[in-house]
Amino acid sequence: GFWADPPGYVDKIVWPNYVKDHAFLFQHGDVNGE
């Protein structure tokens, strides 16, 4: 079918998952940093 993100989905689901799975690629685990 079709999926539309409900309100707050980035903050609750998308970004936390990204941080969890990719922090090891960034200095000090800060995905907004270097």
PDB file of all heavy atoms in Angstrom:
ATOM      1  N   GLY A   1       0.811  -1.222   0.000  1.00  0.00           N
ATOM      2  CA  GLY A   1       0.000   0.000   0.000  1.00  0.00           C
ATOM      3  C   GLY A   1       0.839   1.264   0.000  1.00  0.00           C
ATOM      4  O   GLY A   1       1.682   1.472  -0.868  1.00  0.00           O
ATOM      5  N   PHE A   2       0.607   2.102   1.013  1.00  0.00           N
ATOM      6  CA  PHE A   2       1.260   3.402   1.069  1.00  0.00           C
ATOM      7  C   PHE A   2       1.469   3.779   2.528  1.00  0.00           C
ATOM      8  O   PHE A   2       0.612   3.532   3.379  1.00  0.00           O
ATOM      9  CB  PHE A   2       0.365   4.454   0.385  1.00  0.00           C
ATOM     10  CG  PHE A   2       1.029   5.793   0.190  1.00  0.00           C
ATOM     11  CD1 PHE A   2       1.892   6.016  -0.870  1.00  0.00           C
ATOM     12  CD2 PHE A   2       0.773   6.844   1.067  1.00  0.00           C
ATOM     13  CE1 PHE A   2       2.504   7.250  -1.067  1.00  0.00           C
ATOM     14  CE2 PHE A   2       1.378   8.076   0.890  1.00  0.00           C
ATOM     15  CZ  PHE A   2       2.242   8.280  -0.178  1.00  0.00           C
ATOM     16  N   TRP A   3       2.646   4.339   2.820  1.00  0.00           N
ATOM     17  CA  TRP A   3       2.961   4.758   4.184  1.00  0.00           C
ATOM     18  C   TRP A   3       3.220   6.262   4.219  1.00  0.00           C
ATOM     19  O   TRP A   3       3.987   6.781   3.414  1.00  0.00           O
ATOM     20  CB  TRP A   3       4.192   4.026   4.705  1.00  0.00           C
ATOM     21  CG  TRP A   3       4.781   4.639   5.955  1.00  0.00           C
ATOM     22  CD1 TRP A   3       5.806   5.534   6.035  1.00  0.00           C
ATOM     23  CD2 TRP A   3       4.347   4.433   7.304  1.00  0.00           C
ATOM     24  NE1 TRP A   3       6.062   5.883   7.344  1.00  0.00           N
ATOM     25  CE2 TRP A   3       5.166   5.222   8.152  1.00  0.00           C
ATOM     26  CE3 TRP A   3       3.344   3.648   7.880  1.00  0.00           C
ATOM     27  CZ2 TRP A   3       5.018   5.239   9.530  1.00  0.00           C
ATOM     28  CZ3 TRP A   3       3.207   3.672   9.263  1.00  0.00           C
ATOM     29  CH2 TRP A   3       4.032   4.455  10.064  1.00  0.00           C
ATOM     30  N   ALA A   4       2.571   6.946   5.149  1.00  0.00           N
ATOM     31  CA  ALA A   4       2.841   8.354   5.401  1.00  0.00           C
ATOM     32  C   ALA A   4       3.281   8.499   6.854  1.00  0.00           C
ATOM     33  O   ALA A   4       2.629   7.953   7.759  1.00  0.00           O
ATOM     34  CB  ALA A   4       1.595   9.197   5.139  1.00  0.00           C
ATOM     35  N   ASP A   5       4.375   9.195   7.079  1.00  0.00           N
ATOM     36  CA  ASP A   5       4.865   9.377   8.450  1.00  0.00           C
ATOM     37  C   ASP A   5       3.833  10.102   9.300  1.00  0.00           C
ATOM     38  O   ASP A   5       3.336  11.166   8.909  1.00  0.00           O
ATOM     39  CB  ASP A   5       6.143  10.222   8.462  1.00  0.00           C
ATOM     40  CG  ASP A   5       7.342   9.501   7.876  1.00  0.00           C
ATOM     41  OD1 ASP A   5       7.279   8.270   7.706  1.00  0.00           O
ATOM     42  OD2 ASP A   5       8.356  10.189   7.609  1.00  0.00           O
ATOM     43  N   PRO A   6       3.513   9.593  10.473  1.00  0.00           N
ATOM     44  CA  PRO A   6       2.650  10.335  11.398  1.00  0.00           C
ATOM     45  C   PRO A   6       3.443  11.483  12.023  1.00  0.00           C
ATOM     46  O   PRO A   6       4.672  11.518  11.950  1.00  0.00           O
ATOM     47  CB  PRO A   6       2.257   9.291  12.441  1.00  0.00           C
ATOM     48  CG  PRO A   6       3.369   8.303  12.416  1.00  0.00           C
ATOM     49  CD  PRO A   6       3.871   8.273  11.009  1.00  0.00           C
ATOM     50  N   PRO A   7       2.763  12.452  12.637  1.00  0.00           N
ATOM     51  CA  PRO A   7       3.474  13.566  13.276  1.00  0.00           C
ATOM     52  C   PRO A   7       4.511  13.081  14.289  1.00  0.00           C
ATOM     53  O   PRO A   7       4.268  12.140  15.040  1.00  0.00           O
ATOM     54  CB  PRO A   7       2.334  14.337  13.971  1.00  0.00           C
ATOM     55  CG  PRO A   7       1.111  14.018  13.164  1.00  0.00           C
ATOM     56  CD  PRO A   7       1.296  12.586  12.733  1.00  0.00           C
ATOM     57  N   GLY A   8       5.683  13.720  14.263  1.00  0.00           N
ATOM     58  CA  GLY A   8       6.733  13.387  15.220  1.00  0.00           C
ATOM     59  C   GLY A   8       7.550  12.162  14.865  1.00  0.00           C
ATOM     60  O   GLY A   8       8.400  11.730  15.658  1.00  0.00           O
ATOM     61  N   TYR A   9       7.346  11.600  13.682  1.00  0.00           N
ATOM     62  CA  TYR A   9       7.995  10.339  13.340  1.00  0.00           C
ATOM     63  C   TYR A   9       9.520  10.454  13.243  1.00  0.00           C
ATOM     64  O   TYR A   9      10.241   9.546  13.641  1.00  0.00           O
ATOM     65  CB  TYR A   9       7.431   9.820  12.016  1.00  0.00           C
ATOM     66  CG  TYR A   9       7.727   8.362  11.752  1.00  0.00           C
ATOM     67  CD1 TYR A   9       7.049   7.360  12.448  1.00  0.00           C
ATOM     68  CD2 TYR A   9       8.676   7.977  10.810  1.00  0.00           C
ATOM     69  CE1 TYR A   9       7.314   6.020  12.215  1.00  0.00           C
ATOM     70  CE2 TYR A   9       8.945   6.631  10.565  1.00  0.00           C
ATOM     71  CZ  TYR A   9       8.262   5.658  11.280  1.00  0.00           C
ATOM     72  OH  TYR A   9       8.534   4.328  11.048  1.00  0.00           O
ATOM     73  N   VAL A  10      10.003  11.577  12.731  1.00  0.00           N
ATOM     74  CA  VAL A  10      11.450  11.754  12.628  1.00  0.00           C
ATOM     75  C   VAL A  10      12.092  11.729  14.010  1.00  0.00           C
ATOM     76  O   VAL A  10      13.104  11.064  14.239  1.00  0.00           O
ATOM     77  CB  VAL A  10      11.794  13.077  11.901  1.00  0.00           C
ATOM     78  CG1 VAL A  10      13.298  13.363  11.991  1.00  0.00           C
ATOM     79  CG2 VAL A  10      11.362  13.005  10.442  1.00  0.00           C
ATOM     80  N   ASP A  11      11.499  12.444  14.952  1.00  0.00           N
ATOM     81  CA  ASP A  11      12.079  12.538  16.293  1.00  0.00           C
ATOM     82  C   ASP A  11      11.934  11.249  17.094  1.00  0.00           C
ATOM     83  O   ASP A  11      12.806  10.913  17.905  1.00  0.00           O
ATOM     84  CB  ASP A  11      11.417  13.681  17.059  1.00  0.00           C
ATOM     85  CG  ASP A  11      11.765  15.037  16.471  1.00  0.00           C
ATOM     86  OD1 ASP A  11      12.962  15.345  16.358  1.00  0.00           O
ATOM     87  OD2 ASP A  11      10.846  15.792  16.102  1.00  0.00           O
ATOM     88  N   LYS A  12      10.863  10.522  16.842  1.00  0.00           N
ATOM     89  CA  LYS A  12      10.610   9.316  17.623  1.00  0.00           C
ATOM     90  C   LYS A  12      11.269   8.063  17.031  1.00  0.00           C
ATOM     91  O   LYS A  12      11.698   7.174  17.774  1.00  0.00           O
ATOM     92  CB  LYS A  12       9.100   9.074  17.735  1.00  0.00           C
ATOM     93  CG  LYS A  12       8.364  10.145  18.515  1.00  0.00           C
ATOM     94  CD  LYS A  12       6.849   9.911  18.454  1.00  0.00           C
ATOM     95  CE  LYS A  12       6.093  11.004  19.193  1.00  0.00           C
ATOM     96  NZ  LYS A  12       4.617  10.839  19.064  1.00  0.00           N
ATOM     97  N   ILE A  13      11.365   8.010  15.699  1.00  0.00           N
ATOM     98  CA  ILE A  13      11.802   6.782  15.031  1.00  0.00           C
ATOM     99  C   ILE A  13      13.021   6.981  14.130  1.00  0.00           C
ATOM    100  O   ILE A  13      14.054   6.323  14.310  1.00  0.00           O
ATOM    101  CB  ILE A  13      10.643   6.191  14.182  1.00  0.00           C
ATOM    102  CG1 ILE A  13       9.407   5.920  15.056  1.00  0.00           C
ATOM    103  CG2 ILE A  13      11.119   4.942  13.457  1.00  0.00           C
ATOM    104  CD1 ILE A  13       9.589   4.841  16.093  1.00  0.00           C
ATOM    105  N   VAL A  14      12.905   7.887  13.171  1.00  0.00           N
ATOM    106  CA  VAL A  14      13.920   7.990  12.119  1.00  0.00           C
ATOM    107  C   VAL A  14      15.295   8.381  12.661  1.00  0.00           C
ATOM    108  O   VAL A  14      16.287   7.682  12.449  1.00  0.00           O
ATOM    109  CB  VAL A  14      13.480   8.993  11.033  1.00  0.00           C
ATOM    110  CG1 VAL A  14      14.564   9.130   9.957  1.00  0.00           C
ATOM    111  CG2 VAL A  14      12.165   8.558  10.403  1.00  0.00           C
ATOM    112  N   TRP A  15      15.349   9.505  13.361  1.00  0.00           N
ATOM    113  CA  TRP A  15      16.655  10.007  13.801  1.00  0.00           C
ATOM    114  C   TRP A  15      17.280   9.142  14.891  1.00  0.00           C
ATOM    115  O   TRP A  15      18.483   8.843  14.830  1.00  0.00           O
ATOM    116  CB  TRP A  15      16.549  11.467  14.233  1.00  0.00           C
ATOM    117  CG  TRP A  15      17.894  12.137  14.303  1.00  0.00           C
ATOM    118  CD1 TRP A  15      18.602  12.472  15.422  1.00  0.00           C
ATOM    119  CD2 TRP A  15      18.712  12.523  13.189  1.00  0.00           C
ATOM    120  NE1 TRP A  15      19.804  13.050  15.080  1.00  0.00           N
ATOM    121  CE2 TRP A  15      19.898  13.094  13.714  1.00  0.00           C
ATOM    122  CE3 TRP A  15      18.562  12.446  11.806  1.00  0.00           C
ATOM    123  CZ2 TRP A  15      20.922  13.582  12.908  1.00  0.00           C
ATOM    124  CZ3 TRP A  15      19.581  12.930  11.000  1.00  0.00           C
ATOM    125  CH2 TRP A  15      20.748  13.492  11.545  1.00  0.00           C
ATOM    126  N   PRO A  16      16.522   8.680  15.876  1.00  0.00           N
ATOM    127  CA  PRO A  16      17.141   7.792  16.880  1.00  0.00           C
ATOM    128  C   PRO A  16      17.741   6.523  16.263  1.00  0.00           C
ATOM    129  O   PRO A  16      18.809   6.073  16.695  1.00  0.00           O
ATOM    130  CB  PRO A  16      15.975   7.455  17.818  1.00  0.00           C
ATOM    131  CG  PRO A  16      15.068   8.636  17.703  1.00  0.00           C
ATOM    132  CD  PRO A  16      15.142   9.045  16.265  1.00  0.00           C
ATOM    133  N   ASN A  17      17.084   5.954  15.264  1.00  0.00           N
ATOM    134  CA  ASN A  17      17.633   4.768  14.596  1.00  0.00           C
ATOM    135  C   ASN A  17      18.922   5.105  13.855  1.00  0.00           C
ATOM    136  O   ASN A  17      19.892   4.333  13.883  1.00  0.00           O
ATOM    137  CB  ASN A  17      16.616   4.197  13.609  1.00  0.00           C
ATOM    138  CG  ASN A  17      15.644   3.228  14.267  1.00  0.00           C
ATOM    139  OD1 ASN A  17      16.010   2.451  15.132  1.00  0.00           O
ATOM    140  ND2 ASN A  17      14.387   3.297  13.862  1.00  0.00           N
ATOM    141  N   TYR A  18      18.933   6.242  13.190  1.00  0.00           N
ATOM    142  CA  TYR A  18      20.133   6.661  12.466  1.00  0.00           C
ATOM    143  C   TYR A  18      21.306   6.826  13.431  1.00  0.00           C
ATOM    144  O   TYR A  18      22.415   6.343  13.170  1.00  0.00           O
ATOM    145  CB  TYR A  18      19.863   7.965  11.724  1.00  0.00           C
ATOM    146  CG  TYR A  18      21.112   8.613  11.164  1.00  0.00           C
ATOM    147  CD1 TYR A  18      21.895   7.960  10.213  1.00  0.00           C
ATOM    148  CD2 TYR A  18      21.515   9.880  11.593  1.00  0.00           C
ATOM    149  CE1 TYR A  18      23.047   8.547   9.708  1.00  0.00           C
ATOM    150  CE2 TYR A  18      22.656  10.477  11.084  1.00  0.00           C
ATOM    151  CZ  TYR A  18      23.429   9.806  10.142  1.00  0.00           C
ATOM    152  OH  TYR A  18      24.566  10.384   9.653  1.00  0.00           O
ATOM    153  N   VAL A  19      21.059   7.478  14.548  1.00  0.00           N
ATOM    154  CA  VAL A  19      22.119   7.686  15.541  1.00  0.00           C
ATOM    155  C   VAL A  19      22.632   6.343  16.047  1.00  0.00           C
ATOM    156  O   VAL A  19      23.850   6.108  16.120  1.00  0.00           O
ATOM    157  CB  VAL A  19      21.605   8.554  16.707  1.00  0.00           C
ATOM    158  CG1 VAL A  19      22.638   8.610  17.832  1.00  0.00           C
ATOM    159  CG2 VAL A  19      21.269   9.962  16.221  1.00  0.00           C
ATOM    160  N   LYS A  20      21.725   5.448  16.384  1.00  0.00           N
ATOM    161  CA  LYS A  20      22.107   4.142  16.942  1.00  0.00           C
ATOM    162  C   LYS A  20      22.996   3.355  15.971  1.00  0.00           C
ATOM    163  O   LYS A  20      23.981   2.730  16.372  1.00  0.00           O
ATOM    164  CB  LYS A  20      20.851   3.334  17.275  1.00  0.00           C
ATOM    165  CG  LYS A  20      21.111   1.909  17.745  1.00  0.00           C
ATOM    166  CD  LYS A  20      19.827   1.226  18.148  1.00  0.00           C
ATOM    167  CE  LYS A  20      18.875   1.016  16.996  1.00  0.00           C
ATOM    168  NZ  LYS A  20      19.362   0.003  16.019  1.00  0.00           N
ATOM    169  N   ASP A  21      22.652   3.403  14.694  1.00  0.00           N
ATOM    170  CA  ASP A  21      23.344   2.568  13.713  1.00  0.00           C
ATOM    171  C   ASP A  21      24.562   3.221  13.068  1.00  0.00           C
ATOM    172  O   ASP A  21      25.337   2.531  12.384  1.00  0.00           O
ATOM    173  CB  ASP A  21      22.363   2.158  12.604  1.00  0.00           C
ATOM    174  CG  ASP A  21      21.297   1.199  13.096  1.00  0.00           C
ATOM    175  OD1 ASP A  21      21.643   0.275  13.852  1.00  0.00           O
ATOM    176  OD2 ASP A  21      20.109   1.380  12.749  1.00  0.00           O
ATOM    177  N   HIS A  22      24.762   4.533  13.282  1.00  0.00           N
ATOM    178  CA  HIS A  22      25.853   5.210  12.591  1.00  0.00           C
ATOM    179  C   HIS A  22      26.769   6.039  13.488  1.00  0.00           C
ATOM    180  O   HIS A  22      27.742   6.612  12.993  1.00  0.00           O
ATOM    181  CB  HIS A  22      25.285   6.112  11.485  1.00  0.00           C
ATOM    182  CG  HIS A  22      24.578   5.345  10.416  1.00  0.00           C
ATOM    183  ND1 HIS A  22      23.235   5.057  10.498  1.00  0.00           N
ATOM    184  CD2 HIS A  22      25.030   4.800   9.255  1.00  0.00           C
ATOM    185  CE1 HIS A  22      22.881   4.362   9.420  1.00  0.00           C
ATOM    186  NE2 HIS A  22      23.937   4.197   8.655  1.00  0.00           N
ATOM    187  N   ALA A  23      26.478   6.105  14.772  1.00  0.00           N
ATOM    188  CA  ALA A  23      27.320   6.909  15.666  1.00  0.00           C
ATOM    189  C   ALA A  23      28.777   6.465  15.610  1.00  0.00           C
ATOM    190  O   ALA A  23      29.691   7.287  15.768  1.00  0.00           O
ATOM    191  CB  ALA A  23      26.796   6.818  17.105  1.00  0.00           C
ATOM    192  N   PHE A  24      29.036   5.181  15.354  1.00  0.00           N
ATOM    193  CA  PHE A  24      30.411   4.670  15.350  1.00  0.00           C
ATOM    194  C   PHE A  24      31.248   5.223  14.197  1.00  0.00           C
ATOM    195  O   PHE A  24      32.469   5.078  14.193  1.00  0.00           O
ATOM    196  CB  PHE A  24      30.406   3.140  15.314  1.00  0.00           C
ATOM    197  CG  PHE A  24      30.049   2.527  13.985  1.00  0.00           C
ATOM    198  CD1 PHE A  24      31.035   1.970  13.185  1.00  0.00           C
ATOM    199  CD2 PHE A  24      28.736   2.503  13.531  1.00  0.00           C
ATOM    200  CE1 PHE A  24      30.727   1.391  11.964  1.00  0.00           C
ATOM    201  CE2 PHE A  24      28.419   1.933  12.315  1.00  0.00           C
ATOM    202  CZ  PHE A  24      29.411   1.372  11.522  1.00  0.00           C
ATOM    203  N   LEU A  25      30.606   5.878  13.231  1.00  0.00           N
ATOM    204  CA  LEU A  25      31.330   6.456  12.102  1.00  0.00           C
ATOM    205  C   LEU A  25      31.716   7.921  12.338  1.00  0.00           C
ATOM    206  O   LEU A  25      32.374   8.521  11.491  1.00  0.00           O
ATOM    207  CB  LEU A  25      30.482   6.370  10.826  1.00  0.00           C
ATOM    208  CG  LEU A  25      30.147   4.961  10.327  1.00  0.00           C
ATOM    209  CD1 LEU A  25      29.245   5.038   9.104  1.00  0.00           C
ATOM    210  CD2 LEU A  25      31.424   4.181  10.012  1.00  0.00           C
ATOM    211  N   PHE A  26      31.335   8.466  13.490  1.00  0.00           N
ATOM    212  CA  PHE A  26      31.582   9.879  13.784  1.00  0.00           C
ATOM    213  C   PHE A  26      32.454  10.037  15.024  1.00  0.00           C
ATOM    214  O   PHE A  26      32.439   9.193  15.924  1.00  0.00           O
ATOM    215  CB  PHE A  26      30.252  10.606  14.012  1.00  0.00           C
ATOM    216  CG  PHE A  26      29.415  10.760  12.769  1.00  0.00           C
ATOM    217  CD1 PHE A  26      28.595   9.729  12.340  1.00  0.00           C
ATOM    218  CD2 PHE A  26      29.459  11.933  12.035  1.00  0.00           C
ATOM    219  CE1 PHE A  26      27.819   9.863  11.200  1.00  0.00           C
ATOM    220  CE2 PHE A  26      28.691  12.076  10.889  1.00  0.00           C
ATOM    221  CZ  PHE A  26      27.876  11.039  10.469  1.00  0.00           C
ATOM    222  N   GLN A  27      33.185  11.126  15.063  1.00  0.00           N
ATOM    223  CA  GLN A  27      33.999  11.434  16.224  1.00  0.00           C
ATOM    224  C   GLN A  27      33.095  11.618  17.441  1.00  0.00           C
ATOM    225  O   GLN A  27      32.096  12.341  17.377  1.00  0.00           O
ATOM    226  CB  GLN A  27      34.810  12.708  15.977  1.00  0.00           C
ATOM    227  CG  GLN A  27      35.864  12.573  14.885  1.00  0.00           C
ATOM    228  CD  GLN A  27      36.649  13.846  14.683  1.00  0.00           C
ATOM    229  OE1 GLN A  27      36.742  14.693  15.573  1.00  0.00           O
ATOM    230  NE2 GLN A  27      37.221  14.005  13.499  1.00  0.00           N
ATOM    231  N   HIS A  28      33.441  10.942  18.529  1.00  0.00           N
ATOM    232  CA  HIS A  28      32.704  11.026  19.797  1.00  0.00           C
ATOM    233  C   HIS A  28      31.239  10.608  19.642  1.00  0.00           C
ATOM    234  O   HIS A  28      30.407  10.941  20.483  1.00  0.00           O
ATOM    235  CB  HIS A  28      32.778  12.454  20.371  1.00  0.00           C
ATOM    236  CG  HIS A  28      34.150  13.040  20.370  1.00  0.00           C
ATOM    237  ND1 HIS A  28      35.191  12.506  21.103  1.00  0.00           N
ATOM    238  CD2 HIS A  28      34.672  14.113  19.698  1.00  0.00           C
ATOM    239  CE1 HIS A  28      36.286  13.225  20.902  1.00  0.00           C
ATOM    240  NE2 HIS A  28      36.005  14.195  20.044  1.00  0.00           N
ATOM    241  N   GLY A  29      30.911   9.899  18.564  1.00  0.00           N
ATOM    242  CA  GLY A  29      29.548   9.428  18.365  1.00  0.00           C
ATOM    243  C   GLY A  29      28.546  10.511  18.043  1.00  0.00           C
ATOM    244  O   GLY A  29      27.331  10.259  18.078  1.00  0.00           O
ATOM    245  N   ASP A  30      29.018  11.695  17.680  1.00  0.00           N
ATOM    246  CA  ASP A  30      28.143  12.833  17.397  1.00  0.00           C
ATOM    247  C   ASP A  30      27.842  12.885  15.901  1.00  0.00           C
ATOM    248  O   ASP A  30      28.655  13.346  15.108  1.00  0.00           O
ATOM    249  CB  ASP A  30      28.818  14.135  17.841  1.00  0.00           C
ATOM    250  CG  ASP A  30      27.984  15.365  17.524  1.00  0.00           C
ATOM    251  OD1 ASP A  30      26.814  15.221  17.108  1.00  0.00           O
ATOM    252  OD2 ASP A  30      28.505  16.489  17.685  1.00  0.00           O
ATOM    253  N   VAL A  31      26.653  12.424  15.488  1.00  0.00           N
ATOM    254  CA  VAL A  31      26.321  12.341  14.067  1.00  0.00           C
ATOM    255  C   VAL A  31      26.111  13.707  13.420  1.00  0.00           C
ATOM    256  O   VAL A  31      25.973  13.794  12.193  1.00  0.00           O
ATOM    257  CB  VAL A  31      25.079  11.458  13.832  1.00  0.00           C
ATOM    258  CG1 VAL A  31      25.318  10.039  14.317  1.00  0.00           C
ATOM    259  CG2 VAL A  31      23.844  12.061  14.488  1.00  0.00           C
ATOM    260  N   ASN A  32      26.061  14.763  14.209  1.00  0.00           N
ATOM    261  CA  ASN A  32      25.993  16.115  13.656  1.00  0.00           C
ATOM    262  C   ASN A  32      27.387  16.724  13.505  1.00  0.00           C
ATOM    263  O   ASN A  32      27.535  17.839  12.997  1.00  0.00           O
ATOM    264  CB  ASN A  32      25.126  17.025  14.533  1.00  0.00           C
ATOM    265  CG  ASN A  32      23.644  16.729  14.381  1.00  0.00           C
ATOM    266  OD1 ASN A  32      23.098  16.747  13.286  1.00  0.00           O
ATOM    267  ND2 ASN A  32      22.993  16.420  15.495  1.00  0.00           N
ATOM    268  N   GLY A  33      28.399  15.975  13.956  1.00  0.00           N
ATOM    269  CA  GLY A  33      29.750  16.503  13.946  1.00  0.00           C
ATOM    270  C   GLY A  33      30.611  15.933  12.833  1.00  0.00           C
ATOM    271  O   GLY A  33      30.123  15.591  11.755  1.00  0.00           O
ATOM    272  N   GLU A  34      31.918  15.811  13.114  1.00  0.00           N
ATOM    273  CA  GLU A  34      32.884  15.373  12.116  1.00  0.00           C
ATOM    274  C   GLU A  34      32.939  13.839  12.035  1.00  0.00           C
ATOM    275  O   GLU A  34      32.764  13.140  13.035  1.00  0.00           O
ATOM    276  CB  GLU A  34      34.274  15.912  12.467  1.00  0.00           C
ATOM    277  CG  GLU A  34      34.374  17.430  12.474  1.00  0.00           C
ATOM    278  CD  GLU A  34      34.397  18.017  11.073  1.00  0.00           C
ATOM    279  OE1 GLU A  34      34.698  17.265  10.116  1.00  0.00           O
ATOM    280  OE2 GLU A  34      34.110  19.224  10.947  1.00  0.00           O
TER     281      GLU A  34
END
